[in-house]
Structures are given as structure tokens and as C-alpha cells.
Amino acid sequence: MTGSDRRLDLSGKRLVVIVNRKSGKRDGPSAEQVLREKLAPKVGSFDLRIIDKGRDITRTAQAAVRDGADIVAVLGGDGTQTAVAGVLAGTDVAMAVLPTGTFNYFAREIGVGESWGEALEALLDGELAKVSVGEVNGRVFSTTPVSAPIPRSSKSARAITNAGAARGSGPIGRFWSRSRICDGRCISR
């Protein structure tokens, strides 16, 4: 992160929330219900967009930009976050990260917490900060590049996380910890 630019004032902002229902596990009340209850009264315009298919992520983010969103909040894992960040990079639209994935690297990297509930609080009481993105072969990415095998199952992924490798204690973790990436504006604490 390159530093805080300003405190975020949500009043009067057009907020589009993209929810990827296929991403991660969410216990308790409906995420959509909680997001609507907590965010709608705080913004000028609230628009909740649900996606059930990965191919709809980019198209939904592009529509949010076309529709004049000031902020796009994204409830999903790192893949969903990366796809939306790729659309928003180079625009004036800010992005709020609401993580629901297995690793949630990007959310941890920008300091909004590891759960969507923590990140929601950061959105309600956060700052607008500029972050950098990278581009490889025409694809924008907003999270740490990895040059190592990634576990195919969530169980294996959790084992690596629990062992500490993903948190910076092993050689791969140290590489991940030193690599900071994303371009655009993101909401952080």
C-alpha cells in the first residue's frame, strides 16, 4: 500500500456490491441481508448484484462501471477480487474487498481483515488508499504472484495455511509476504 489518501465518506456515493455466491463458506445470517442492512442506510445509492457463475464476474463489474458506481464492494475469494480489480484498474471507481475465500491474500495484504465481517467494518470506517497492480500477458492481477504448486483441495490449502507457510514463515510464505501488488483505489483500515 502506498499510503492513505483520504477518509472515506460513503454518504452520497453510488455503491455496487457484487456477491459471488459460489465463493467460500458463510455461516450465520445471509450475507446479502447483512450487507443491505449495514450499507444501504450509509450510502446515496445501494445496488446488490448476485452472481452464481464465474464467467459473470467481469461482465458484472464492467456493468457497475458503466452504471456510474463510485465504489464496487466485492464479496468473494481472491479469484473474484482479482477479476473485479482487473476491470476497475485505471478507472476512478474504488474497490472494497469483502473476503470469503480460502486464503484471502489480498484482503490480508491491504489490512481489511480475513473475514467479510471484518472487512465490512473497514468499509464503514475506512480510508481510501491507492495500491498497485501488476499485469502479465495482458491480465491485471491484484494479489501476490505465486511460482509454486497450489493445493487443489481446500483441505490441503487449509493445512498449508495452518502450518504457517501462507503467513510468511516458510520460503514460499516469505516470497508472498514481500510481494505487494494492486493498482487502483482500495478501501483499507
N, C-alpha and C. Protein backbone atom coordinates (compact mmCIF):
# COMPACT_ATOMS: atom_id res chain seq x y z
N MET A 1 0.84 -1.16 0.00
CA MET A 1 0.00 0.00 0.00
C MET A 1 0.89 1.23 0.00
N THR A 2 0.52 2.22 -0.74
CA THR A 2 1.36 3.40 -0.85
C THR A 2 0.94 4.52 0.08
N GLY A 3 -0.04 4.27 0.94
CA GLY A 3 -0.43 5.29 1.91
C GLY A 3 -1.86 5.73 1.76
N SER A 4 -2.36 6.32 2.80
CA SER A 4 -3.74 6.79 2.81
C SER A 4 -3.88 8.07 2.02
N ASP A 5 -4.94 8.16 1.29
CA ASP A 5 -5.22 9.39 0.55
C ASP A 5 -6.27 10.23 1.26
N ARG A 6 -7.32 9.58 1.78
CA ARG A 6 -8.35 10.34 2.49
C ARG A 6 -9.32 9.40 3.18
N ARG A 7 -9.98 9.93 4.18
CA ARG A 7 -11.04 9.20 4.89
C ARG A 7 -12.20 9.00 3.93
N LEU A 8 -12.82 7.84 4.01
CA LEU A 8 -13.90 7.51 3.10
C LEU A 8 -15.24 8.01 3.64
N ASP A 9 -15.92 8.83 2.85
CA ASP A 9 -17.27 9.30 3.18
C ASP A 9 -18.23 8.60 2.24
N LEU A 10 -19.03 7.68 2.78
CA LEU A 10 -19.95 6.89 1.95
C LEU A 10 -21.21 7.64 1.56
N SER A 11 -21.58 8.65 2.33
CA SER A 11 -22.84 9.35 2.04
C SER A 11 -22.78 9.97 0.65
N GLY A 12 -23.81 9.78 -0.11
CA GLY A 12 -23.86 10.31 -1.46
C GLY A 12 -23.17 9.44 -2.50
N LYS A 13 -22.49 8.39 -2.08
CA LYS A 13 -21.78 7.53 -3.03
C LYS A 13 -22.72 6.47 -3.61
N ARG A 14 -22.48 6.13 -4.86
CA ARG A 14 -23.19 5.03 -5.50
C ARG A 14 -22.35 3.77 -5.26
N LEU A 15 -22.90 2.86 -4.45
CA LEU A 15 -22.20 1.63 -4.08
C LEU A 15 -22.84 0.44 -4.77
N VAL A 16 -22.03 -0.30 -5.49
CA VAL A 16 -22.48 -1.56 -6.09
C VAL A 16 -21.75 -2.67 -5.34
N VAL A 17 -22.52 -3.63 -4.82
CA VAL A 17 -21.95 -4.77 -4.12
C VAL A 17 -22.13 -6.00 -5.01
N ILE A 18 -21.02 -6.61 -5.37
CA ILE A 18 -21.05 -7.84 -6.16
C ILE A 18 -20.83 -9.01 -5.21
N VAL A 19 -21.77 -9.94 -5.18
CA VAL A 19 -21.70 -11.11 -4.30
C VAL A 19 -21.53 -12.35 -5.16
N ASN A 20 -20.42 -13.05 -4.96
CA ASN A 20 -20.19 -14.32 -5.64
C ASN A 20 -20.66 -15.42 -4.69
N ARG A 21 -21.84 -15.94 -4.93
CA ARG A 21 -22.42 -16.97 -4.06
C ARG A 21 -21.64 -18.28 -4.08
N LYS A 22 -20.83 -18.49 -5.08
CA LYS A 22 -20.07 -19.74 -5.19
C LYS A 22 -18.75 -19.69 -4.42
N SER A 23 -18.41 -18.55 -3.88
CA SER A 23 -17.11 -18.39 -3.23
C SER A 23 -17.19 -18.61 -1.73
N GLY A 24 -16.38 -19.51 -1.22
CA GLY A 24 -16.21 -19.71 0.21
C GLY A 24 -17.45 -20.17 0.94
N LYS A 25 -17.29 -20.21 2.26
CA LYS A 25 -18.38 -20.61 3.14
C LYS A 25 -18.76 -19.42 4.00
N ARG A 26 -20.04 -19.26 4.20
CA ARG A 26 -20.53 -18.18 5.05
C ARG A 26 -21.56 -18.77 6.01
N ASP A 27 -21.26 -18.67 7.29
CA ASP A 27 -22.19 -19.14 8.31
C ASP A 27 -22.99 -17.97 8.82
N GLY A 28 -24.09 -18.26 9.48
CA GLY A 28 -24.90 -17.21 10.08
C GLY A 28 -25.87 -16.62 9.10
N PRO A 29 -26.30 -15.39 9.38
CA PRO A 29 -27.32 -14.77 8.53
C PRO A 29 -26.82 -14.56 7.10
N SER A 30 -27.74 -14.42 6.21
CA SER A 30 -27.43 -14.20 4.80
C SER A 30 -26.52 -12.99 4.64
N ALA A 31 -25.43 -13.18 3.90
CA ALA A 31 -24.51 -12.06 3.64
C ALA A 31 -25.25 -10.93 2.95
N GLU A 32 -26.10 -11.28 2.00
CA GLU A 32 -26.83 -10.25 1.28
C GLU A 32 -27.69 -9.41 2.23
N GLN A 33 -28.34 -10.06 3.18
CA GLN A 33 -29.18 -9.36 4.15
C GLN A 33 -28.36 -8.44 5.04
N VAL A 34 -27.24 -8.93 5.54
CA VAL A 34 -26.37 -8.12 6.40
C VAL A 34 -25.80 -6.94 5.63
N LEU A 35 -25.34 -7.17 4.41
CA LEU A 35 -24.79 -6.08 3.60
C LEU A 35 -25.84 -5.01 3.33
N ARG A 36 -27.03 -5.44 3.00
CA ARG A 36 -28.11 -4.48 2.73
C ARG A 36 -28.44 -3.66 3.99
N GLU A 37 -28.57 -4.34 5.13
CA GLU A 37 -28.92 -3.65 6.38
C GLU A 37 -27.85 -2.67 6.83
N LYS A 38 -26.57 -3.05 6.68
CA LYS A 38 -25.48 -2.20 7.18
C LYS A 38 -25.06 -1.11 6.20
N LEU A 39 -25.14 -1.41 4.89
CA LEU A 39 -24.62 -0.46 3.91
C LEU A 39 -25.67 0.48 3.31
N ALA A 40 -26.84 -0.04 3.00
CA ALA A 40 -27.85 0.78 2.31
C ALA A 40 -28.13 2.11 3.02
N PRO A 41 -28.27 2.14 4.35
CA PRO A 41 -28.55 3.42 5.01
C PRO A 41 -27.37 4.41 5.00
N LYS A 42 -26.17 3.92 4.69
CA LYS A 42 -24.96 4.76 4.77
C LYS A 42 -24.56 5.39 3.45
N VAL A 43 -25.18 4.94 2.33
CA VAL A 43 -24.75 5.40 1.01
C VAL A 43 -25.88 6.12 0.29
N GLY A 44 -25.52 6.86 -0.76
CA GLY A 44 -26.52 7.55 -1.56
C GLY A 44 -27.34 6.58 -2.40
N SER A 45 -26.69 5.54 -2.92
CA SER A 45 -27.36 4.54 -3.75
C SER A 45 -26.73 3.19 -3.48
N PHE A 46 -27.57 2.18 -3.25
CA PHE A 46 -27.10 0.84 -2.94
C PHE A 46 -27.65 -0.13 -3.98
N ASP A 47 -26.77 -0.90 -4.60
CA ASP A 47 -27.16 -1.85 -5.64
C ASP A 47 -26.45 -3.17 -5.37
N LEU A 48 -27.21 -4.23 -5.07
CA LEU A 48 -26.67 -5.55 -4.79
C LEU A 48 -26.80 -6.41 -6.04
N ARG A 49 -25.68 -6.94 -6.50
CA ARG A 49 -25.68 -7.77 -7.71
C ARG A 49 -25.11 -9.15 -7.37
N ILE A 50 -25.94 -10.16 -7.54
CA ILE A 50 -25.58 -11.53 -7.20
C ILE A 50 -25.10 -12.25 -8.45
N ILE A 51 -23.98 -12.98 -8.30
CA ILE A 51 -23.52 -13.81 -9.40
C ILE A 51 -23.40 -15.25 -8.91
N ASP A 52 -23.73 -16.16 -9.77
CA ASP A 52 -23.64 -17.59 -9.46
C ASP A 52 -22.67 -18.32 -10.36
N LYS A 53 -22.15 -17.64 -11.37
CA LYS A 53 -21.23 -18.26 -12.32
C LYS A 53 -20.00 -17.38 -12.45
N GLY A 54 -18.83 -18.01 -12.43
CA GLY A 54 -17.58 -17.28 -12.54
C GLY A 54 -17.47 -16.40 -13.77
N ARG A 55 -18.05 -16.84 -14.87
CA ARG A 55 -17.94 -16.06 -16.11
C ARG A 55 -18.71 -14.74 -16.03
N ASP A 56 -19.58 -14.59 -15.02
CA ASP A 56 -20.36 -13.36 -14.88
C ASP A 56 -19.63 -12.28 -14.08
N ILE A 57 -18.52 -12.61 -13.45
CA ILE A 57 -17.82 -11.66 -12.58
C ILE A 57 -17.37 -10.42 -13.36
N THR A 58 -16.62 -10.62 -14.41
CA THR A 58 -16.08 -9.50 -15.19
C THR A 58 -17.21 -8.67 -15.80
N ARG A 59 -18.17 -9.33 -16.38
CA ARG A 59 -19.29 -8.64 -17.01
C ARG A 59 -20.07 -7.80 -15.98
N THR A 60 -20.25 -8.32 -14.78
CA THR A 60 -20.97 -7.59 -13.73
C THR A 60 -20.17 -6.38 -13.27
N ALA A 61 -18.86 -6.52 -13.14
CA ALA A 61 -18.01 -5.39 -12.75
C ALA A 61 -18.00 -4.31 -13.84
N GLN A 62 -17.93 -4.74 -15.10
CA GLN A 62 -17.97 -3.77 -16.21
C GLN A 62 -19.29 -3.00 -16.21
N ALA A 63 -20.38 -3.68 -15.94
CA ALA A 63 -21.69 -3.02 -15.88
C ALA A 63 -21.73 -2.01 -14.73
N ALA A 64 -21.12 -2.35 -13.60
CA ALA A 64 -21.09 -1.43 -12.46
C ALA A 64 -20.36 -0.14 -12.83
N VAL A 65 -19.25 -0.26 -13.56
CA VAL A 65 -18.51 0.92 -14.01
C VAL A 65 -19.37 1.73 -14.98
N ARG A 66 -19.97 1.07 -15.95
CA ARG A 66 -20.85 1.75 -16.92
C ARG A 66 -22.01 2.46 -16.24
N ASP A 67 -22.52 1.84 -15.16
CA ASP A 67 -23.68 2.40 -14.45
C ASP A 67 -23.32 3.53 -13.50
N GLY A 68 -22.04 3.88 -13.44
CA GLY A 68 -21.62 5.03 -12.65
C GLY A 68 -21.31 4.76 -11.20
N ALA A 69 -20.93 3.55 -10.85
CA ALA A 69 -20.57 3.24 -9.46
C ALA A 69 -19.38 4.08 -9.02
N ASP A 70 -19.44 4.56 -7.78
CA ASP A 70 -18.28 5.22 -7.17
C ASP A 70 -17.40 4.19 -6.48
N ILE A 71 -18.06 3.17 -5.90
CA ILE A 71 -17.38 2.11 -5.17
C ILE A 71 -18.01 0.78 -5.58
N VAL A 72 -17.17 -0.22 -5.81
CA VAL A 72 -17.65 -1.57 -6.02
C VAL A 72 -17.09 -2.41 -4.87
N ALA A 73 -17.98 -2.94 -4.05
CA ALA A 73 -17.60 -3.85 -2.97
C ALA A 73 -17.76 -5.27 -3.51
N VAL A 74 -16.78 -6.12 -3.21
CA VAL A 74 -16.77 -7.46 -3.80
C VAL A 74 -16.70 -8.51 -2.70
N LEU A 75 -17.77 -9.31 -2.58
CA LEU A 75 -17.82 -10.42 -1.64
C LEU A 75 -17.45 -11.68 -2.40
N GLY A 76 -16.24 -12.18 -2.15
CA GLY A 76 -15.75 -13.36 -2.85
C GLY A 76 -14.31 -13.63 -2.47
N GLY A 77 -13.76 -14.66 -3.06
CA GLY A 77 -12.37 -15.03 -2.78
C GLY A 77 -11.39 -14.25 -3.64
N ASP A 78 -10.12 -14.64 -3.55
CA ASP A 78 -9.08 -13.94 -4.29
C ASP A 78 -9.32 -13.94 -5.80
N GLY A 79 -9.86 -15.01 -6.34
CA GLY A 79 -10.15 -15.05 -7.77
C GLY A 79 -11.18 -14.02 -8.17
N THR A 80 -12.23 -13.91 -7.38
CA THR A 80 -13.28 -12.92 -7.64
C THR A 80 -12.71 -11.52 -7.49
N GLN A 81 -11.93 -11.29 -6.42
CA GLN A 81 -11.33 -9.98 -6.17
C GLN A 81 -10.42 -9.58 -7.34
N THR A 82 -9.62 -10.53 -7.80
CA THR A 82 -8.69 -10.26 -8.90
C THR A 82 -9.42 -9.90 -10.19
N ALA A 83 -10.48 -10.64 -10.48
CA ALA A 83 -11.25 -10.37 -11.71
C ALA A 83 -11.84 -8.97 -11.67
N VAL A 84 -12.40 -8.57 -10.54
CA VAL A 84 -13.00 -7.23 -10.43
C VAL A 84 -11.92 -6.16 -10.44
N ALA A 85 -10.82 -6.39 -9.74
CA ALA A 85 -9.72 -5.40 -9.74
C ALA A 85 -9.20 -5.17 -11.15
N GLY A 86 -9.17 -6.22 -11.97
CA GLY A 86 -8.74 -6.07 -13.35
C GLY A 86 -9.64 -5.15 -14.14
N VAL A 87 -10.93 -5.19 -13.85
CA VAL A 87 -11.88 -4.30 -14.52
C VAL A 87 -11.73 -2.87 -14.00
N LEU A 88 -11.55 -2.72 -12.70
CA LEU A 88 -11.53 -1.38 -12.09
C LEU A 88 -10.20 -0.66 -12.25
N ALA A 89 -9.12 -1.40 -12.49
CA ALA A 89 -7.80 -0.76 -12.65
C ALA A 89 -7.86 0.26 -13.78
N GLY A 90 -7.35 1.46 -13.49
CA GLY A 90 -7.34 2.52 -14.48
C GLY A 90 -8.62 3.35 -14.53
N THR A 91 -9.59 3.02 -13.70
CA THR A 91 -10.82 3.82 -13.62
C THR A 91 -10.78 4.63 -12.32
N ASP A 92 -11.78 5.47 -12.12
CA ASP A 92 -11.89 6.22 -10.87
C ASP A 92 -12.76 5.52 -9.85
N VAL A 93 -13.15 4.28 -10.13
CA VAL A 93 -14.03 3.53 -9.23
C VAL A 93 -13.18 2.86 -8.15
N ALA A 94 -13.55 3.07 -6.90
CA ALA A 94 -12.85 2.45 -5.77
C ALA A 94 -13.38 1.03 -5.57
N MET A 95 -12.57 0.20 -4.93
CA MET A 95 -12.95 -1.19 -4.67
C MET A 95 -12.87 -1.48 -3.19
N ALA A 96 -13.90 -2.13 -2.67
CA ALA A 96 -13.89 -2.62 -1.29
C ALA A 96 -13.84 -4.13 -1.34
N VAL A 97 -12.92 -4.73 -0.60
CA VAL A 97 -12.70 -6.17 -0.60
C VAL A 97 -13.42 -6.77 0.61
N LEU A 98 -14.35 -7.71 0.34
CA LEU A 98 -15.08 -8.44 1.38
C LEU A 98 -14.76 -9.92 1.17
N PRO A 99 -13.72 -10.45 1.85
CA PRO A 99 -13.19 -11.77 1.53
C PRO A 99 -14.03 -12.94 2.05
N THR A 100 -14.20 -13.96 1.19
CA THR A 100 -14.87 -15.19 1.59
C THR A 100 -14.13 -16.42 1.09
N GLY A 101 -12.90 -16.25 0.65
CA GLY A 101 -12.17 -17.37 0.07
C GLY A 101 -11.39 -18.16 1.10
N THR A 102 -10.54 -19.05 0.60
CA THR A 102 -9.74 -19.92 1.46
C THR A 102 -8.54 -19.17 2.04
N PHE A 103 -7.80 -18.48 1.21
CA PHE A 103 -6.59 -17.79 1.67
C PHE A 103 -6.81 -16.30 1.95
N ASN A 104 -7.55 -15.61 1.12
CA ASN A 104 -7.83 -14.18 1.27
C ASN A 104 -6.55 -13.34 1.36
N TYR A 105 -5.61 -13.64 0.47
CA TYR A 105 -4.34 -12.93 0.46
C TYR A 105 -4.51 -11.42 0.30
N PHE A 106 -5.31 -11.04 -0.67
CA PHE A 106 -5.44 -9.62 -0.97
C PHE A 106 -6.04 -8.86 0.21
N ALA A 107 -7.06 -9.40 0.81
CA ALA A 107 -7.69 -8.74 1.97
C ALA A 107 -6.69 -8.58 3.11
N ARG A 108 -5.91 -9.62 3.37
CA ARG A 108 -4.89 -9.52 4.42
C ARG A 108 -3.82 -8.51 4.05
N GLU A 109 -3.46 -8.49 2.77
CA GLU A 109 -2.40 -7.59 2.33
C GLU A 109 -2.78 -6.12 2.51
N ILE A 110 -4.03 -5.78 2.24
CA ILE A 110 -4.43 -4.38 2.37
C ILE A 110 -4.96 -4.06 3.77
N GLY A 111 -5.04 -5.06 4.64
CA GLY A 111 -5.34 -4.81 6.05
C GLY A 111 -6.81 -4.67 6.40
N VAL A 112 -7.71 -5.29 5.63
CA VAL A 112 -9.13 -5.18 5.96
C VAL A 112 -9.64 -6.35 6.80
N GLY A 113 -8.78 -7.30 7.10
CA GLY A 113 -9.18 -8.45 7.90
C GLY A 113 -9.31 -9.69 7.03
N GLU A 114 -9.51 -10.81 7.70
CA GLU A 114 -9.58 -12.09 7.00
C GLU A 114 -11.00 -12.59 6.81
N SER A 115 -11.98 -11.89 7.34
CA SER A 115 -13.38 -12.29 7.16
C SER A 115 -14.14 -11.14 6.51
N TRP A 116 -15.25 -11.48 5.88
CA TRP A 116 -16.03 -10.42 5.24
C TRP A 116 -16.65 -9.50 6.28
N GLY A 117 -16.92 -10.00 7.48
CA GLY A 117 -17.46 -9.15 8.54
C GLY A 117 -16.46 -8.08 8.98
N GLU A 118 -15.20 -8.50 9.15
CA GLU A 118 -14.15 -7.53 9.50
C GLU A 118 -13.97 -6.51 8.39
N ALA A 119 -13.98 -6.98 7.16
CA ALA A 119 -13.81 -6.09 6.02
C ALA A 119 -14.98 -5.13 5.87
N LEU A 120 -16.18 -5.59 6.21
CA LEU A 120 -17.34 -4.71 6.17
C LEU A 120 -17.17 -3.55 7.15
N GLU A 121 -16.67 -3.85 8.34
CA GLU A 121 -16.39 -2.78 9.31
C GLU A 121 -15.34 -1.81 8.78
N ALA A 122 -14.33 -2.34 8.08
CA ALA A 122 -13.31 -1.47 7.48
C ALA A 122 -13.93 -0.56 6.43
N LEU A 123 -14.87 -1.09 5.66
CA LEU A 123 -15.55 -0.27 4.65
C LEU A 123 -16.35 0.84 5.32
N LEU A 124 -17.02 0.52 6.40
CA LEU A 124 -17.84 1.51 7.10
C LEU A 124 -17.00 2.56 7.82
N ASP A 125 -15.77 2.21 8.18
CA ASP A 125 -14.93 3.12 8.97
C ASP A 125 -13.52 3.20 8.39
N GLY A 126 -13.38 3.10 7.08
CA GLY A 126 -12.07 3.01 6.49
C GLY A 126 -11.60 4.25 5.79
N GLU A 127 -10.50 4.08 5.12
CA GLU A 127 -9.87 5.13 4.33
C GLU A 127 -9.73 4.65 2.90
N LEU A 128 -9.65 5.60 2.01
CA LEU A 128 -9.38 5.28 0.61
C LEU A 128 -7.87 5.31 0.44
N ALA A 129 -7.32 4.23 -0.08
CA ALA A 129 -5.87 4.14 -0.24
C ALA A 129 -5.55 3.66 -1.65
N LYS A 130 -4.45 4.15 -2.20
CA LYS A 130 -4.00 3.68 -3.51
C LYS A 130 -3.13 2.46 -3.29
N VAL A 131 -3.32 1.49 -4.16
CA VAL A 131 -2.48 0.30 -4.19
C VAL A 131 -2.08 0.06 -5.63
N SER A 132 -1.08 -0.78 -5.84
CA SER A 132 -0.57 -1.03 -7.19
C SER A 132 -1.02 -2.40 -7.68
N VAL A 133 -1.17 -2.53 -8.99
CA VAL A 133 -1.45 -3.84 -9.59
C VAL A 133 -0.32 -4.19 -10.53
N GLY A 134 -0.29 -5.44 -10.89
CA GLY A 134 0.66 -5.90 -11.89
C GLY A 134 -0.11 -6.37 -13.11
N GLU A 135 0.61 -6.55 -14.19
CA GLU A 135 0.00 -7.06 -15.41
C GLU A 135 0.97 -8.06 -16.04
N VAL A 136 0.45 -9.21 -16.39
CA VAL A 136 1.24 -10.24 -17.04
C VAL A 136 0.43 -10.73 -18.24
N ASN A 137 1.03 -10.66 -19.41
CA ASN A 137 0.36 -11.11 -20.64
C ASN A 137 -1.04 -10.51 -20.79
N GLY A 138 -1.16 -9.24 -20.47
CA GLY A 138 -2.44 -8.56 -20.65
C GLY A 138 -3.45 -8.79 -19.55
N ARG A 139 -3.11 -9.56 -18.53
CA ARG A 139 -4.03 -9.82 -17.42
C ARG A 139 -3.58 -9.06 -16.18
N VAL A 140 -4.48 -8.26 -15.65
CA VAL A 140 -4.19 -7.50 -14.45
C VAL A 140 -4.38 -8.41 -13.25
N PHE A 141 -3.48 -8.31 -12.27
CA PHE A 141 -3.66 -9.09 -11.06
C PHE A 141 -3.49 -8.19 -9.85
N SER A 142 -4.19 -8.56 -8.79
CA SER A 142 -4.21 -7.71 -7.60
C SER A 142 -3.75 -8.44 -6.37
N THR A 143 -3.14 -9.56 -6.55
CA THR A 143 -2.66 -10.32 -5.41
C THR A 143 -1.27 -10.85 -5.71
N THR A 144 -0.66 -11.43 -4.75
CA THR A 144 0.71 -11.87 -4.87
C THR A 144 0.88 -12.96 -5.91
N PRO A 145 1.86 -12.79 -6.81
CA PRO A 145 2.10 -13.85 -7.78
C PRO A 145 2.73 -15.04 -7.07
N VAL A 146 2.42 -16.22 -7.52
CA VAL A 146 2.95 -17.43 -6.89
C VAL A 146 3.65 -18.26 -7.94
N SER A 147 4.87 -18.67 -7.63
CA SER A 147 5.58 -19.56 -8.54
C SER A 147 5.86 -20.86 -7.80
N ALA A 148 4.80 -21.45 -7.29
CA ALA A 148 4.90 -22.71 -6.55
C ALA A 148 3.59 -23.46 -6.74
N PRO A 149 3.61 -24.76 -6.50
CA PRO A 149 2.36 -25.52 -6.63
C PRO A 149 1.31 -25.03 -5.64
N ILE A 150 0.10 -24.92 -6.10
CA ILE A 150 -1.02 -24.52 -5.25
C ILE A 150 -1.85 -25.76 -4.97
N PRO A 151 -2.23 -25.99 -3.73
CA PRO A 151 -3.04 -27.18 -3.42
C PRO A 151 -4.35 -27.15 -4.19
N ARG A 152 -4.78 -28.30 -4.66
CA ARG A 152 -6.02 -28.39 -5.42
C ARG A 152 -7.24 -28.48 -4.53
N SER A 153 -7.09 -28.90 -3.31
CA SER A 153 -8.26 -29.02 -2.45
C SER A 153 -8.19 -28.02 -1.32
N SER A 154 -9.35 -27.63 -0.82
CA SER A 154 -9.41 -26.70 0.31
C SER A 154 -8.75 -27.31 1.53
N LYS A 155 -8.89 -28.61 1.71
CA LYS A 155 -8.28 -29.27 2.86
C LYS A 155 -6.76 -29.10 2.84
N SER A 156 -6.15 -29.32 1.67
CA SER A 156 -4.71 -29.13 1.54
C SER A 156 -4.34 -27.68 1.73
N ALA A 157 -5.15 -26.78 1.19
CA ALA A 157 -4.87 -25.35 1.32
C ALA A 157 -4.92 -24.94 2.79
N ARG A 158 -5.92 -25.41 3.52
CA ARG A 158 -6.01 -25.08 4.95
C ARG A 158 -4.82 -25.64 5.71
N ALA A 159 -4.35 -26.82 5.33
CA ALA A 159 -3.20 -27.41 6.00
C ALA A 159 -1.97 -26.53 5.83
N ILE A 160 -1.78 -26.00 4.63
CA ILE A 160 -0.65 -25.11 4.39
C ILE A 160 -0.82 -23.83 5.20
N THR A 161 -2.02 -23.26 5.19
CA THR A 161 -2.28 -22.04 5.97
C THR A 161 -2.02 -22.29 7.44
N ASN A 162 -2.55 -23.39 7.96
CA ASN A 162 -2.38 -23.69 9.38
C ASN A 162 -0.93 -23.96 9.74
N ALA A 163 -0.16 -24.48 8.79
CA ALA A 163 1.25 -24.73 9.04
C ALA A 163 2.06 -23.45 9.02
N GLY A 164 1.48 -22.36 8.55
CA GLY A 164 2.17 -21.08 8.58
C GLY A 164 2.85 -20.68 7.29
N ALA A 165 2.92 -21.57 6.30
CA ALA A 165 3.62 -21.23 5.07
C ALA A 165 2.98 -20.04 4.38
N ALA A 166 1.66 -19.96 4.37
CA ALA A 166 0.98 -18.86 3.68
C ALA A 166 1.06 -17.57 4.46
N ARG A 167 1.50 -17.62 5.70
CA ARG A 167 1.58 -16.42 6.52
C ARG A 167 3.01 -15.90 6.67
N GLY A 168 3.91 -16.41 5.87
CA GLY A 168 5.24 -15.82 5.83
C GLY A 168 6.32 -16.55 6.59
N SER A 169 6.07 -17.77 7.11
CA SER A 169 7.11 -18.43 7.89
C SER A 169 8.01 -19.33 7.07
N GLY A 170 7.56 -19.81 5.93
CA GLY A 170 8.39 -20.67 5.07
C GLY A 170 8.95 -19.87 3.92
N PRO A 171 9.79 -20.47 3.09
CA PRO A 171 10.39 -19.72 1.97
C PRO A 171 9.34 -19.20 1.00
N ILE A 172 8.31 -19.99 0.72
CA ILE A 172 7.26 -19.51 -0.17
C ILE A 172 6.50 -18.39 0.52
N GLY A 173 6.18 -18.57 1.78
CA GLY A 173 5.47 -17.54 2.54
C GLY A 173 6.25 -16.24 2.59
N ARG A 174 7.58 -16.34 2.75
CA ARG A 174 8.39 -15.12 2.77
C ARG A 174 8.32 -14.42 1.42
N PHE A 175 8.33 -15.21 0.33
CA PHE A 175 8.20 -14.62 -1.00
C PHE A 175 6.86 -13.90 -1.12
N TRP A 176 5.77 -14.56 -0.69
CA TRP A 176 4.45 -13.96 -0.75
C TRP A 176 4.40 -12.69 0.07
N SER A 177 4.99 -12.72 1.25
CA SER A 177 4.93 -11.56 2.14
C SER A 177 5.67 -10.36 1.56
N ARG A 178 6.72 -10.60 0.78
CA ARG A 178 7.49 -9.49 0.22
C ARG A 178 6.90 -8.94 -1.06
N SER A 179 5.98 -9.64 -1.66
CA SER A 179 5.42 -9.22 -2.94
C SER A 179 4.13 -8.45 -2.71
N ARG A 180 4.13 -7.17 -2.99
CA ARG A 180 2.93 -6.35 -2.81
C ARG A 180 2.50 -5.84 -4.17
N ILE A 181 1.23 -6.04 -4.47
CA ILE A 181 0.75 -5.68 -5.79
C ILE A 181 -0.68 -5.17 -5.75
N CYS A 182 -1.18 -4.42 -6.68
CA CYS A 182 -2.56 -3.97 -6.98
C CYS A 182 -2.55 -2.52 -7.44
N ASP A 183 -3.24 -2.07 -8.52
CA ASP A 183 -3.28 -0.66 -8.95
C ASP A 183 -4.72 -0.20 -8.96
N GLY A 184 -4.95 0.89 -8.38
CA GLY A 184 -6.29 1.39 -8.27
C GLY A 184 -6.48 1.89 -6.86
N ARG A 185 -7.72 2.00 -6.46
CA ARG A 185 -8.02 2.51 -5.14
C ARG A 185 -8.78 1.44 -4.38
N CYS A 186 -8.34 1.15 -3.19
CA CYS A 186 -9.00 0.14 -2.36
C CYS A 186 -9.27 0.72 -0.99
N ILE A 187 -10.25 0.17 -0.32
CA ILE A 187 -10.62 0.65 0.99
C ILE A 187 -9.90 -0.18 2.02
N SER A 188 -9.24 0.47 2.96
CA SER A 188 -8.48 -0.23 3.99
C SER A 188 -8.68 0.47 5.33
N ARG A 189 -8.16 -0.14 6.37
CA ARG A 189 -8.21 0.48 7.71
C ARG A 189 -7.03 1.38 7.89
